């Protein structure tokens, strides 16, 4: 299906972080790239993890505090965050406003939490 209607609300909620699956194999249409919107509330703790494939974020609103390996960076609206595969990564909102970003991950990409097994995030499946 070439046009996928936007979901009326977040499709997945973890604590104060909301994920809205936009394009993925389970939503139909997308075979190679999963796309979702993430909204991270101010003060929400970052979840350190790695990815098996490159992940790209486009900041839509708010500010991001990004940890990539040993680097700590900030990103704002219009900035793009490129997370290389197999790199320690964490993302949280910086400041008083929620962070809103559009995220892209190749289908088949998986996340790995410290001490855990690789898994496909449900919003990317």
PDB file of N, CA and C in Angstrom:
ATOM      1  N   UNK A   1       0.848  -1.170   0.000  1.00  0.00           N
ATOM      2  CA  UNK A   1       0.000   0.000   0.000  1.00  0.00           C
ATOM      3  C   UNK A   1       0.900   1.243   0.000  1.00  0.00           C
ATOM      4  N   UNK A   2       0.797   2.137  -0.983  1.00  0.00           N
ATOM      5  CA  UNK A   2       1.700   3.280  -1.070  1.00  0.00           C
ATOM      6  C   UNK A   2       1.420   4.397  -0.069  1.00  0.00           C
ATOM      7  N   UNK A   3       0.193   4.513   0.442  1.00  0.00           N
ATOM      8  CA  UNK A   3      -0.126   5.529   1.448  1.00  0.00           C
ATOM      9  C   UNK A   3      -0.662   4.807   2.679  1.00  0.00           C
ATOM     10  N   UNK A   4       0.024   4.992   3.793  1.00  0.00           N
ATOM     11  CA  UNK A   4      -0.406   4.381   5.051  1.00  0.00           C
ATOM     12  C   UNK A   4      -1.014   5.474   5.921  1.00  0.00           C
ATOM     13  N   UNK A   5      -2.253   5.323   6.343  1.00  0.00           N
ATOM     14  CA  UNK A   5      -2.862   6.344   7.200  1.00  0.00           C
ATOM     15  C   UNK A   5      -2.111   6.447   8.527  1.00  0.00           C
ATOM     16  N   UNK A   6      -1.985   7.647   9.031  1.00  0.00           N
ATOM     17  CA  UNK A   6      -1.317   7.855  10.312  1.00  0.00           C
ATOM     18  C   UNK A   6      -2.153   7.244  11.435  1.00  0.00           C
ATOM     19  N   UNK A   7      -1.526   6.544  12.378  1.00  0.00           N
ATOM     20  CA  UNK A   7      -2.274   6.040  13.533  1.00  0.00           C
ATOM     21  C   UNK A   7      -2.856   7.203  14.343  1.00  0.00           C
ATOM     22  N   UNK A   8      -3.991   6.978  14.955  1.00  0.00           N
ATOM     23  CA  UNK A   8      -4.665   8.020  15.734  1.00  0.00           C
ATOM     24  C   UNK A   8      -3.931   8.332  17.037  1.00  0.00           C
ATOM     25  N   UNK A   9      -3.131   7.386  17.517  1.00  0.00           N
ATOM     26  CA  UNK A   9      -2.401   7.594  18.765  1.00  0.00           C
ATOM     27  C   UNK A   9      -1.140   6.742  18.742  1.00  0.00           C
ATOM     28  N   UNK A  10      -0.327   6.880  19.768  1.00  0.00           N
ATOM     29  CA  UNK A  10       0.900   6.092  19.869  1.00  0.00           C
ATOM     30  C   UNK A  10       0.563   4.611  19.798  1.00  0.00           C
ATOM     31  N   UNK A  11       1.418   3.845  19.151  1.00  0.00           N
ATOM     32  CA  UNK A  11       1.185   2.409  19.029  1.00  0.00           C
ATOM     33  C   UNK A  11       1.871   1.622  20.147  1.00  0.00           C
ATOM     34  N   UNK A  12       2.868   2.228  20.799  1.00  0.00           N
ATOM     35  CA  UNK A  12       3.590   1.574  21.895  1.00  0.00           C
ATOM     36  C   UNK A  12       3.992   2.634  22.915  1.00  0.00           C
ATOM     37  N   UNK A  13       3.859   2.312  24.198  1.00  0.00           N
ATOM     38  CA  UNK A  13       4.229   3.232  25.263  1.00  0.00           C
ATOM     39  C   UNK A  13       5.108   2.479  26.253  1.00  0.00           C
ATOM     40  N   UNK A  14       6.280   3.059  26.524  1.00  0.00           N
ATOM     41  CA  UNK A  14       7.191   2.511  27.537  1.00  0.00           C
ATOM     42  C   UNK A  14       7.474   3.623  28.536  1.00  0.00           C
ATOM     43  N   UNK A  15       6.862   3.544  29.713  1.00  0.00           N
ATOM     44  CA  UNK A  15       7.006   4.613  30.693  1.00  0.00           C
ATOM     45  C   UNK A  15       6.422   5.890  30.130  1.00  0.00           C
ATOM     46  N   UNK A  16       7.258   6.936  30.052  1.00  0.00           N
ATOM     47  CA  UNK A  16       6.801   8.219  29.514  1.00  0.00           C
ATOM     48  C   UNK A  16       7.262   8.433  28.073  1.00  0.00           C
ATOM     49  N   UNK A  17       7.733   7.379  27.425  1.00  0.00           N
ATOM     50  CA  UNK A  17       8.158   7.465  26.027  1.00  0.00           C
ATOM     51  C   UNK A  17       7.113   6.801  25.151  1.00  0.00           C
ATOM     52  N   UNK A  18       6.724   7.513  24.084  1.00  0.00           N
ATOM     53  CA  UNK A  18       5.680   7.020  23.184  1.00  0.00           C
ATOM     54  C   UNK A  18       6.279   6.794  21.800  1.00  0.00           C
ATOM     55  N   UNK A  19       5.958   5.654  21.222  1.00  0.00           N
ATOM     56  CA  UNK A  19       6.398   5.292  19.878  1.00  0.00           C
ATOM     57  C   UNK A  19       5.173   5.142  18.988  1.00  0.00           C
ATOM     58  N   UNK A  20       5.226   5.700  17.794  1.00  0.00           N
ATOM     59  CA  UNK A  20       4.131   5.564  16.840  1.00  0.00           C
ATOM     60  C   UNK A  20       4.692   4.959  15.564  1.00  0.00           C
ATOM     61  N   UNK A  21       4.383   3.689  15.315  1.00  0.00           N
ATOM     62  CA  UNK A  21       4.837   3.014  14.102  1.00  0.00           C
ATOM     63  C   UNK A  21       4.158   3.658  12.903  1.00  0.00           C
ATOM     64  N   UNK A  22       4.947   4.083  11.931  1.00  0.00           N
ATOM     65  CA  UNK A  22       4.404   4.725  10.735  1.00  0.00           C
ATOM     66  C   UNK A  22       4.518   3.820   9.516  1.00  0.00           C
ATOM     67  N   UNK A  23       5.686   3.241   9.307  1.00  0.00           N
ATOM     68  CA  UNK A  23       5.902   2.314   8.189  1.00  0.00           C
ATOM     69  C   UNK A  23       6.743   1.154   8.697  1.00  0.00           C
ATOM     70  N   UNK A  24       6.283  -0.045   8.463  1.00  0.00           N
ATOM     71  CA  UNK A  24       6.995  -1.254   8.871  1.00  0.00           C
ATOM     72  C   UNK A  24       6.317  -2.436   8.172  1.00  0.00           C
ATOM     73  N   UNK A  25       6.967  -3.587   8.149  1.00  0.00           N
ATOM     74  CA  UNK A  25       6.315  -4.739   7.519  1.00  0.00           C
ATOM     75  C   UNK A  25       4.953  -5.068   8.129  1.00  0.00           C
ATOM     76  N   UNK A  26       4.820  -4.943   9.448  1.00  0.00           N
ATOM     77  CA  UNK A  26       3.532  -5.287  10.078  1.00  0.00           C
ATOM     78  C   UNK A  26       2.431  -4.281   9.746  1.00  0.00           C
ATOM     79  N   UNK A  27       2.784  -3.047   9.387  1.00  0.00           N
ATOM     80  CA  UNK A  27       1.779  -2.054   8.993  1.00  0.00           C
ATOM     81  C   UNK A  27       1.468  -2.150   7.513  1.00  0.00           C
ATOM     82  N   UNK A  28       2.260  -2.903   6.764  1.00  0.00           N
ATOM     83  CA  UNK A  28       2.047  -3.039   5.327  1.00  0.00           C
ATOM     84  C   UNK A  28       2.808  -1.971   4.565  1.00  0.00           C
ATOM     85  N   UNK A  29       3.107  -2.280   3.324  1.00  0.00           N
ATOM     86  CA  UNK A  29       3.752  -1.300   2.455  1.00  0.00           C
ATOM     87  C   UNK A  29       5.255  -1.259   2.532  1.00  0.00           C
ATOM     88  N   UNK A  30       5.848  -1.131   3.714  1.00  0.00           N
ATOM     89  CA  UNK A  30       7.299  -1.012   3.850  1.00  0.00           C
ATOM     90  C   UNK A  30       7.942  -2.398   3.953  1.00  0.00           C
ATOM     91  N   UNK A  31       8.923  -2.628   3.121  1.00  0.00           N
ATOM     92  CA  UNK A  31       9.632  -3.917   3.149  1.00  0.00           C
ATOM     93  C   UNK A  31      11.078  -3.773   3.585  1.00  0.00           C
ATOM     94  N   UNK A  32      11.670  -2.585   3.357  1.00  0.00           N
ATOM     95  CA  UNK A  32      13.100  -2.412   3.598  1.00  0.00           C
ATOM     96  C   UNK A  32      13.430  -1.458   4.746  1.00  0.00           C
ATOM     97  N   UNK A  33      12.512  -0.536   5.050  1.00  0.00           N
ATOM     98  CA  UNK A  33      12.803   0.482   6.058  1.00  0.00           C
ATOM     99  C   UNK A  33      11.610   0.662   6.982  1.00  0.00           C
ATOM    100  N   UNK A  34      11.884   0.632   8.279  1.00  0.00           N
ATOM    101  CA  UNK A  34      10.858   0.941   9.277  1.00  0.00           C
ATOM    102  C   UNK A  34      11.014   2.398   9.689  1.00  0.00           C
ATOM    103  N   UNK A  35       9.878   3.080   9.845  1.00  0.00           N
ATOM    104  CA  UNK A  35       9.873   4.490  10.244  1.00  0.00           C
ATOM    105  C   UNK A  35       8.873   4.646  11.385  1.00  0.00           C
ATOM    106  N   UNK A  36       9.266   5.376  12.410  1.00  0.00           N
ATOM    107  CA  UNK A  36       8.350   5.645  13.514  1.00  0.00           C
ATOM    108  C   UNK A  36       8.647   7.019  14.087  1.00  0.00           C
ATOM    109  N   UNK A  37       7.700   7.508  14.864  1.00  0.00           N
ATOM    110  CA  UNK A  37       7.856   8.771  15.584  1.00  0.00           C
ATOM    111  C   UNK A  37       8.049   8.417  17.048  1.00  0.00           C
ATOM    112  N   UNK A  38       8.993   9.076  17.701  1.00  0.00           N
ATOM    113  CA  UNK A  38       9.210   8.860  19.129  1.00  0.00           C
ATOM    114  C   UNK A  38       9.015  10.191  19.843  1.00  0.00           C
ATOM    115  N   UNK A  39       8.370  10.133  20.986  1.00  0.00           N
ATOM    116  CA  UNK A  39       8.172  11.299  21.846  1.00  0.00           C
ATOM    117  C   UNK A  39       8.702  10.922  23.227  1.00  0.00           C
ATOM    118  N   UNK A  40       9.721  11.654  23.666  1.00  0.00           N
ATOM    119  CA  UNK A  40      10.356  11.379  24.955  1.00  0.00           C
ATOM    120  C   UNK A  40      10.080  12.551  25.877  1.00  0.00           C
ATOM    121  N   UNK A  41       9.462  12.271  27.014  1.00  0.00           N
ATOM    122  CA  UNK A  41       9.110  13.315  27.975  1.00  0.00           C
ATOM    123  C   UNK A  41      10.362  13.861  28.648  1.00  0.00           C
ATOM    124  N   UNK A  42      10.336  15.144  29.017  1.00  0.00           N
ATOM    125  CA  UNK A  42      11.467  15.698  29.767  1.00  0.00           C
ATOM    126  C   UNK A  42      11.673  14.906  31.055  1.00  0.00           C
ATOM    127  N   UNK A  43      12.912  14.660  31.390  1.00  0.00           N
ATOM    128  CA  UNK A  43      13.223  13.925  32.611  1.00  0.00           C
ATOM    129  C   UNK A  43      13.187  12.416  32.465  1.00  0.00           C
ATOM    130  N   UNK A  44      12.724  11.902  31.334  1.00  0.00           N
ATOM    131  CA  UNK A  44      12.713  10.448  31.134  1.00  0.00           C
ATOM    132  C   UNK A  44      14.158   9.957  31.034  1.00  0.00           C
ATOM    133  N   UNK A  45      14.492   8.893  31.742  1.00  0.00           N
ATOM    134  CA  UNK A  45      15.868   8.404  31.667  1.00  0.00           C
ATOM    135  C   UNK A  45      16.174   7.807  30.297  1.00  0.00           C
ATOM    136  N   UNK A  46      17.419   7.974  29.867  1.00  0.00           N
ATOM    137  CA  UNK A  46      17.861   7.367  28.609  1.00  0.00           C
ATOM    138  C   UNK A  46      17.996   5.861  28.803  1.00  0.00           C
ATOM    139  N   UNK A  47      17.810   5.100  27.729  1.00  0.00           N
ATOM    140  CA  UNK A  47      17.989   3.647  27.760  1.00  0.00           C
ATOM    141  C   UNK A  47      19.202   3.301  26.904  1.00  0.00           C
ATOM    142  N   UNK A  48      20.357   3.065  27.536  1.00  0.00           N
ATOM    143  CA  UNK A  48      21.546   2.723  26.753  1.00  0.00           C
ATOM    144  C   UNK A  48      21.332   1.402  26.009  1.00  0.00           C
ATOM    145  N   UNK A  49      21.744   1.386  24.736  1.00  0.00           N
ATOM    146  CA  UNK A  49      21.625   0.177  23.928  1.00  0.00           C
ATOM    147  C   UNK A  49      22.523   0.285  22.709  1.00  0.00           C
ATOM    148  N   UNK A  50      22.577  -0.783  21.920  1.00  0.00           N
ATOM    149  CA  UNK A  50      23.277  -0.827  20.634  1.00  0.00           C
ATOM    150  C   UNK A  50      22.282  -1.289  19.589  1.00  0.00           C
ATOM    151  N   UNK A  51      22.631  -1.071  18.339  1.00  0.00           N
ATOM    152  CA  UNK A  51      21.800  -1.527  17.225  1.00  0.00           C
ATOM    153  C   UNK A  51      22.644  -2.362  16.281  1.00  0.00           C
ATOM    154  N   UNK A  52      22.001  -3.303  15.614  1.00  0.00           N
ATOM    155  CA  UNK A  52      22.727  -4.142  14.657  1.00  0.00           C
ATOM    156  C   UNK A  52      22.835  -3.485  13.288  1.00  0.00           C
ATOM    157  N   UNK A  53      22.065  -2.425  13.059  1.00  0.00           N
ATOM    158  CA  UNK A  53      22.086  -1.681  11.794  1.00  0.00           C
ATOM    159  C   UNK A  53      22.109  -0.193  12.107  1.00  0.00           C
ATOM    160  N   UNK A  54      22.489   0.606  11.148  1.00  0.00           N
ATOM    161  CA  UNK A  54      22.476   2.053  11.327  1.00  0.00           C
ATOM    162  C   UNK A  54      21.042   2.542  11.559  1.00  0.00           C
ATOM    163  N   UNK A  55      20.887   3.480  12.492  1.00  0.00           N
ATOM    164  CA  UNK A  55      19.587   4.090  12.773  1.00  0.00           C
ATOM    165  C   UNK A  55      19.730   5.601  12.584  1.00  0.00           C
ATOM    166  N   UNK A  56      18.702   6.228  12.023  1.00  0.00           N
ATOM    167  CA  UNK A  56      18.742   7.662  11.757  1.00  0.00           C
ATOM    168  C   UNK A  56      17.539   8.323  12.431  1.00  0.00           C
ATOM    169  N   UNK A  57      17.791   9.429  13.128  1.00  0.00           N
ATOM    170  CA  UNK A  57      16.752  10.228  13.777  1.00  0.00           C
ATOM    171  C   UNK A  57      16.752  11.622  13.168  1.00  0.00           C
ATOM    172  N   UNK A  58      15.580  12.180  12.937  1.00  0.00           N
ATOM    173  CA  UNK A  58      15.430  13.578  12.547  1.00  0.00           C
ATOM    174  C   UNK A  58      14.671  14.250  13.686  1.00  0.00           C
ATOM    175  N   UNK A  59      15.297  15.211  14.330  1.00  0.00           N
ATOM    176  CA  UNK A  59      14.655  15.901  15.448  1.00  0.00           C
ATOM    177  C   UNK A  59      13.591  16.847  14.887  1.00  0.00           C
ATOM    178  N   UNK A  60      12.356  16.670  15.344  1.00  0.00           N
ATOM    179  CA  UNK A  60      11.237  17.496  14.895  1.00  0.00           C
ATOM    180  C   UNK A  60      10.952  18.645  15.857  1.00  0.00           C
ATOM    181  N   UNK A  61      11.074  18.381  17.163  1.00  0.00           N
ATOM    182  CA  UNK A  61      10.789  19.398  18.183  1.00  0.00           C
ATOM    183  C   UNK A  61      11.547  19.039  19.454  1.00  0.00           C
ATOM    184  N   UNK A  62      11.812  20.050  20.266  1.00  0.00           N
ATOM    185  CA  UNK A  62      12.544  19.829  21.507  1.00  0.00           C
ATOM    186  C   UNK A  62      14.032  19.706  21.241  1.00  0.00           C
ATOM    187  N   UNK A  63      14.748  19.285  22.271  1.00  0.00           N
ATOM    188  CA  UNK A  63      16.195  19.108  22.164  1.00  0.00           C
ATOM    189  C   UNK A  63      16.538  17.705  22.631  1.00  0.00           C
ATOM    190  N   UNK A  64      17.556  17.142  21.992  1.00  0.00           N
ATOM    191  CA  UNK A  64      18.005  15.789  22.309  1.00  0.00           C
ATOM    192  C   UNK A  64      19.373  15.837  22.964  1.00  0.00           C
ATOM    193  N   UNK A  65      19.549  15.040  23.998  1.00  0.00           N
ATOM    194  CA  UNK A  65      20.867  14.764  24.546  1.00  0.00           C
ATOM    195  C   UNK A  65      21.224  13.374  24.060  1.00  0.00           C
ATOM    196  N   UNK A  66      22.301  13.275  23.287  1.00  0.00           N
ATOM    197  CA  UNK A  66      22.681  12.041  22.610  1.00  0.00           C
ATOM    198  C   UNK A  66      24.020  11.557  23.158  1.00  0.00           C
ATOM    199  N   UNK A  67      24.081  10.299  23.530  1.00  0.00           N
ATOM    200  CA  UNK A  67      25.355   9.676  23.862  1.00  0.00           C
ATOM    201  C   UNK A  67      25.652   8.677  22.760  1.00  0.00           C
ATOM    202  N   UNK A  68      26.781   8.884  22.066  1.00  0.00           N
ATOM    203  CA  UNK A  68      27.246   7.997  20.990  1.00  0.00           C
ATOM    204  C   UNK A  68      28.661   7.580  21.342  1.00  0.00           C
ATOM    205  N   UNK A  69      28.811   6.336  21.780  1.00  0.00           N
ATOM    206  CA  UNK A  69      30.124   5.907  22.260  1.00  0.00           C
ATOM    207  C   UNK A  69      30.509   6.764  23.446  1.00  0.00           C
ATOM    208  N   UNK A  70      31.682   7.397  23.376  1.00  0.00           N
ATOM    209  CA  UNK A  70      32.150   8.254  24.465  1.00  0.00           C
ATOM    210  C   UNK A  70      31.711   9.705  24.293  1.00  0.00           C
ATOM    211  N   UNK A  71      31.050  10.035  23.192  1.00  0.00           N
ATOM    212  CA  UNK A  71      30.649  11.415  22.910  1.00  0.00           C
ATOM    213  C   UNK A  71      29.263  11.719  23.453  1.00  0.00           C
ATOM    214  N   UNK A  72      29.115  12.929  24.024  1.00  0.00           N
ATOM    215  CA  UNK A  72      27.800  13.442  24.443  1.00  0.00           C
ATOM    216  C   UNK A  72      27.536  14.682  23.599  1.00  0.00           C
ATOM    217  N   UNK A  73      26.431  14.657  22.875  1.00  0.00           N
ATOM    218  CA  UNK A  73      26.113  15.707  21.924  1.00  0.00           C
ATOM    219  C   UNK A  73      24.695  16.198  22.153  1.00  0.00           C
ATOM    220  N   UNK A  74      24.380  17.384  21.630  1.00  0.00           N
ATOM    221  CA  UNK A  74      23.005  17.885  21.656  1.00  0.00           C
ATOM    222  C   UNK A  74      22.542  18.087  20.227  1.00  0.00           C
ATOM    223  N   UNK A  75      21.247  17.909  20.021  1.00  0.00           N
ATOM    224  CA  UNK A  75      20.643  18.111  18.702  1.00  0.00           C
ATOM    225  C   UNK A  75      19.315  18.819  18.895  1.00  0.00           C
ATOM    226  N   UNK A  76      18.963  19.662  17.934  1.00  0.00           N
ATOM    227  CA  UNK A  76      17.713  20.405  17.988  1.00  0.00           C
ATOM    228  C   UNK A  76      16.905  20.208  16.725  1.00  0.00           C
ATOM    229  N   UNK A  77      15.777  20.889  16.611  1.00  0.00           N
ATOM    230  CA  UNK A  77      14.889  20.728  15.462  1.00  0.00           C
ATOM    231  C   UNK A  77      15.636  20.883  14.130  1.00  0.00           C
ATOM    232  N   UNK A  78      15.405  19.909  13.251  1.00  0.00           N
ATOM    233  CA  UNK A  78      16.044  19.891  11.944  1.00  0.00           C
ATOM    234  C   UNK A  78      17.364  19.147  11.923  1.00  0.00           C
ATOM    235  N   UNK A  79      17.975  18.924  13.085  1.00  0.00           N
ATOM    236  CA  UNK A  79      19.230  18.174  13.138  1.00  0.00           C
ATOM    237  C   UNK A  79      18.965  16.695  12.911  1.00  0.00           C
ATOM    238  N   UNK A  80      19.960  16.013  12.379  1.00  0.00           N
ATOM    239  CA  UNK A  80      19.875  14.582  12.109  1.00  0.00           C
ATOM    240  C   UNK A  80      20.915  13.869  12.959  1.00  0.00           C
ATOM    241  N   UNK A  81      20.493  12.803  13.618  1.00  0.00           N
ATOM    242  CA  UNK A  81      21.380  11.985  14.440  1.00  0.00           C
ATOM    243  C   UNK A  81      21.560  10.659  13.705  1.00  0.00           C
ATOM    244  N   UNK A  82      22.799  10.328  13.384  1.00  0.00           N
ATOM    245  CA  UNK A  82      23.101   9.067  12.714  1.00  0.00           C
ATOM    246  C   UNK A  82      23.812   8.174  13.721  1.00  0.00           C
ATOM    247  N   UNK A  83      23.193   7.035  14.021  1.00  0.00           N
ATOM    248  CA  UNK A  83      23.737   6.096  14.998  1.00  0.00           C
ATOM    249  C   UNK A  83      24.334   4.912  14.230  1.00  0.00           C
ATOM    250  N   UNK A  84      25.662   4.803  14.209  1.00  0.00           N
ATOM    251  CA  UNK A  84      26.267   3.670  13.514  1.00  0.00           C
ATOM    252  C   UNK A  84      25.923   2.344  14.208  1.00  0.00           C
ATOM    253  N   UNK A  85      25.891   1.287  13.450  1.00  0.00           N
ATOM    254  CA  UNK A  85      25.667  -0.046  14.021  1.00  0.00           C
ATOM    255  C   UNK A  85      26.764  -0.354  15.039  1.00  0.00           C
ATOM    256  N   UNK A  86      26.410  -1.141  16.046  1.00  0.00           N
ATOM    257  CA  UNK A  86      27.350  -1.647  17.055  1.00  0.00           C
ATOM    258  C   UNK A  86      28.021  -0.534  17.860  1.00  0.00           C
ATOM    259  N   UNK A  87      27.318   0.584  18.062  1.00  0.00           N
ATOM    260  CA  UNK A  87      27.848   1.711  18.833  1.00  0.00           C
ATOM    261  C   UNK A  87      26.958   1.922  20.048  1.00  0.00           C
ATOM    262  N   UNK A  88      27.579   2.074  21.223  1.00  0.00           N
ATOM    263  CA  UNK A  88      26.796   2.380  22.415  1.00  0.00           C
ATOM    264  C   UNK A  88      26.047   3.681  22.181  1.00  0.00           C
ATOM    265  N   UNK A  89      24.753   3.676  22.520  1.00  0.00           N
ATOM    266  CA  UNK A  89      23.885   4.793  22.176  1.00  0.00           C
ATOM    267  C   UNK A  89      22.830   4.985  23.254  1.00  0.00           C
ATOM    268  N   UNK A  90      22.523   6.250  23.540  1.00  0.00           N
ATOM    269  CA  UNK A  90      21.403   6.599  24.423  1.00  0.00           C
ATOM    270  C   UNK A  90      20.876   7.953  23.986  1.00  0.00           C
ATOM    271  N   UNK A  91      19.576   8.155  24.166  1.00  0.00           N
ATOM    272  CA  UNK A  91      18.905   9.381  23.724  1.00  0.00           C
ATOM    273  C   UNK A  91      17.885   9.776  24.771  1.00  0.00           C
ATOM    274  N   UNK A  92      17.855  11.058  25.113  1.00  0.00           N
ATOM    275  CA  UNK A  92      16.838  11.563  26.030  1.00  0.00           C
ATOM    276  C   UNK A  92      16.526  13.008  25.675  1.00  0.00           C
ATOM    277  N   UNK A  93      15.446  13.519  26.236  1.00  0.00           N
ATOM    278  CA  UNK A  93      15.085  14.925  26.032  1.00  0.00           C
ATOM    279  C   UNK A  93      16.008  15.785  26.888  1.00  0.00           C
ATOM    280  N   UNK A  94      16.421  16.897  26.337  1.00  0.00           N
ATOM    281  CA  UNK A  94      17.251  17.860  27.041  1.00  0.00           C
ATOM    282  C   UNK A  94      16.416  19.119  27.235  1.00  0.00           C
ATOM    283  N   UNK A  95      16.243  19.552  28.450  1.00  0.00           N
ATOM    284  CA  UNK A  95      15.442  20.746  28.700  1.00  0.00           C
ATOM    285  C   UNK A  95      14.054  20.398  29.207  1.00  0.00           C
ATOM    286  N   UNK A  96      13.155  21.381  29.129  1.00  0.00           N
ATOM    287  CA  UNK A  96      11.815  21.247  29.706  1.00  0.00           C
ATOM    288  C   UNK A  96      10.751  20.774  28.728  1.00  0.00           C
ATOM    289  N   UNK A  97      11.079  20.696  27.444  1.00  0.00           N
ATOM    290  CA  UNK A  97      10.087  20.314  26.430  1.00  0.00           C
ATOM    291  C   UNK A  97      10.310  18.861  26.015  1.00  0.00           C
ATOM    292  N   UNK A  98       9.250  18.192  25.587  1.00  0.00           N
ATOM    293  CA  UNK A  98       9.417  16.827  25.071  1.00  0.00           C
ATOM    294  C   UNK A  98      10.296  16.836  23.814  1.00  0.00           C
ATOM    295  N   UNK A  99      10.994  15.756  23.615  1.00  0.00           N
ATOM    296  CA  UNK A  99      11.753  15.535  22.387  1.00  0.00           C
ATOM    297  C   UNK A  99      10.856  14.754  21.442  1.00  0.00           C
ATOM    298  N   UNK A 100      10.713  15.246  20.219  1.00  0.00           N
ATOM    299  CA  UNK A 100       9.960  14.531  19.191  1.00  0.00           C
ATOM    300  C   UNK A 100      10.896  14.301  18.015  1.00  0.00           C
ATOM    301  N   UNK A 101      10.961  13.059  17.545  1.00  0.00           N
ATOM    302  CA  UNK A 101      11.858  12.735  16.439  1.00  0.00           C
ATOM    303  C   UNK A 101      11.229  11.682  15.539  1.00  0.00           C
ATOM    304  N   UNK A 102      11.620  11.729  14.293  1.00  0.00           N
ATOM    305  CA  UNK A 102      11.264  10.709  13.310  1.00  0.00           C
ATOM    306  C   UNK A 102      12.463   9.782  13.210  1.00  0.00           C
ATOM    307  N   UNK A 103      12.233   8.465  13.256  1.00  0.00           N
ATOM    308  CA  UNK A 103      13.318   7.493  13.293  1.00  0.00           C
ATOM    309  C   UNK A 103      13.190   6.503  12.139  1.00  0.00           C
ATOM    310  N   UNK A 104      14.333   6.092  11.613  1.00  0.00           N
ATOM    311  CA  UNK A 104      14.377   5.132  10.508  1.00  0.00           C
ATOM    312  C   UNK A 104      15.404   4.049  10.826  1.00  0.00           C
ATOM    313  N   UNK A 105      15.024   2.804  10.587  1.00  0.00           N
ATOM    314  CA  UNK A 105      15.892   1.652  10.807  1.00  0.00           C
ATOM    315  C   UNK A 105      15.611   0.636   9.713  1.00  0.00           C
ATOM    316  N   UNK A 106      16.654   0.097   9.094  1.00  0.00           N
ATOM    317  CA  UNK A 106      16.401  -0.936   8.089  1.00  0.00           C
ATOM    318  C   UNK A 106      15.649  -2.121   8.702  1.00  0.00           C
ATOM    319  N   UNK A 107      14.714  -2.674   7.948  1.00  0.00           N
ATOM    320  CA  UNK A 107      13.993  -3.869   8.399  1.00  0.00           C
ATOM    321  C   UNK A 107      15.027  -4.952   8.699  1.00  0.00           C
ATOM    322  N   UNK A 108      14.856  -5.623   9.800  1.00  0.00           N
ATOM    323  CA  UNK A 108      15.804  -6.649  10.241  1.00  0.00           C
ATOM    324  C   UNK A 108      16.787  -6.122  11.267  1.00  0.00           C
ATOM    325  N   UNK A 109      16.867  -4.795  11.399  1.00  0.00           N
ATOM    326  CA  UNK A 109      17.732  -4.228  12.427  1.00  0.00           C
ATOM    327  C   UNK A 109      17.196  -4.572  13.807  1.00  0.00           C
ATOM    328  N   UNK A 110      18.110  -4.817  14.720  1.00  0.00           N
ATOM    329  CA  UNK A 110      17.711  -5.195  16.070  1.00  0.00           C
ATOM    330  C   UNK A 110      18.416  -4.319  17.096  1.00  0.00           C
ATOM    331  N   UNK A 111      17.825  -4.240  18.275  1.00  0.00           N
ATOM    332  CA  UNK A 111      18.399  -3.525  19.405  1.00  0.00           C
ATOM    333  C   UNK A 111      18.978  -4.540  20.377  1.00  0.00           C
ATOM    334  N   UNK A 112      19.956  -4.096  21.134  1.00  0.00           N
ATOM    335  CA  UNK A 112      20.583  -4.959  22.135  1.00  0.00           C
ATOM    336  C   UNK A 112      20.783  -4.136  23.401  1.00  0.00           C
ATOM    337  N   UNK A 113      20.045  -4.505  24.461  1.00  0.00           N
ATOM    338  CA  UNK A 113      20.214  -3.865  25.761  1.00  0.00           C
ATOM    339  C   UNK A 113      21.383  -4.522  26.472  1.00  0.00           C
ATOM    340  N   UNK A 114      22.072  -3.813  27.367  1.00  0.00           N
ATOM    341  CA  UNK A 114      23.193  -4.422  28.087  1.00  0.00           C
ATOM    342  C   UNK A 114      22.775  -5.728  28.768  1.00  0.00           C
ATOM    343  N   UNK A 115      23.530  -6.787  28.518  1.00  0.00           N
ATOM    344  CA  UNK A 115      23.256  -8.080  29.130  1.00  0.00           C
ATOM    345  C   UNK A 115      22.092  -8.833  28.538  1.00  0.00           C
ATOM    346  N   UNK A 116      21.495  -8.317  27.468  1.00  0.00           N
ATOM    347  CA  UNK A 116      20.321  -8.965  26.883  1.00  0.00           C
ATOM    348  C   UNK A 116      20.599  -9.547  25.513  1.00  0.00           C
ATOM    349  N   UNK A 117      19.563 -10.161  24.971  1.00  0.00           N
ATOM    350  CA  UNK A 117      19.623 -10.744  23.635  1.00  0.00           C
ATOM    351  C   UNK A 117      19.103  -9.741  22.617  1.00  0.00           C
ATOM    352  N   UNK A 118      19.588  -9.782  21.380  1.00  0.00           N
ATOM    353  CA  UNK A 118      19.059  -8.882  20.347  1.00  0.00           C
ATOM    354  C   UNK A 118      17.557  -9.114  20.142  1.00  0.00           C
ATOM    355  N   UNK A 119      16.842  -8.016  19.890  1.00  0.00           N
ATOM    356  CA  UNK A 119      15.406  -8.116  19.642  1.00  0.00           C
ATOM    357  C   UNK A 119      15.001  -7.031  18.634  1.00  0.00           C
ATOM    358  N   UNK A 120      13.926  -7.287  17.928  1.00  0.00           N
ATOM    359  CA  UNK A 120      13.377  -6.293  17.018  1.00  0.00           C
ATOM    360  C   UNK A 120      12.385  -5.439  17.782  1.00  0.00           C
ATOM    361  N   UNK A 121      12.602  -4.118  17.858  1.00  0.00           N
ATOM    362  CA  UNK A 121      11.635  -3.278  18.558  1.00  0.00           C
ATOM    363  C   UNK A 121      10.253  -3.442  17.898  1.00  0.00           C
ATOM    364  N   UNK A 122       9.197  -3.583  18.705  1.00  0.00           N
ATOM    365  CA  UNK A 122       7.879  -3.863  18.126  1.00  0.00           C
ATOM    366  C   UNK A 122       7.378  -2.771  17.182  1.00  0.00           C
ATOM    367  N   UNK A 123       7.794  -1.525  17.389  1.00  0.00           N
ATOM    368  CA  UNK A 123       7.362  -0.438  16.500  1.00  0.00           C
ATOM    369  C   UNK A 123       8.098  -0.486  15.160  1.00  0.00           C
ATOM    370  N   UNK A 124       9.139  -1.327  15.035  1.00  0.00           N
ATOM    371  CA  UNK A 124       9.900  -1.454  13.786  1.00  0.00           C
ATOM    372  C   UNK A 124       9.624  -2.775  13.079  1.00  0.00           C
ATOM    373  N   UNK A 125       8.812  -3.634  13.685  1.00  0.00           N
ATOM    374  CA  UNK A 125       8.582  -4.976  13.139  1.00  0.00           C
ATOM    375  C   UNK A 125       7.540  -4.965  12.035  1.00  0.00           C
TER     376      UNK A 125
END
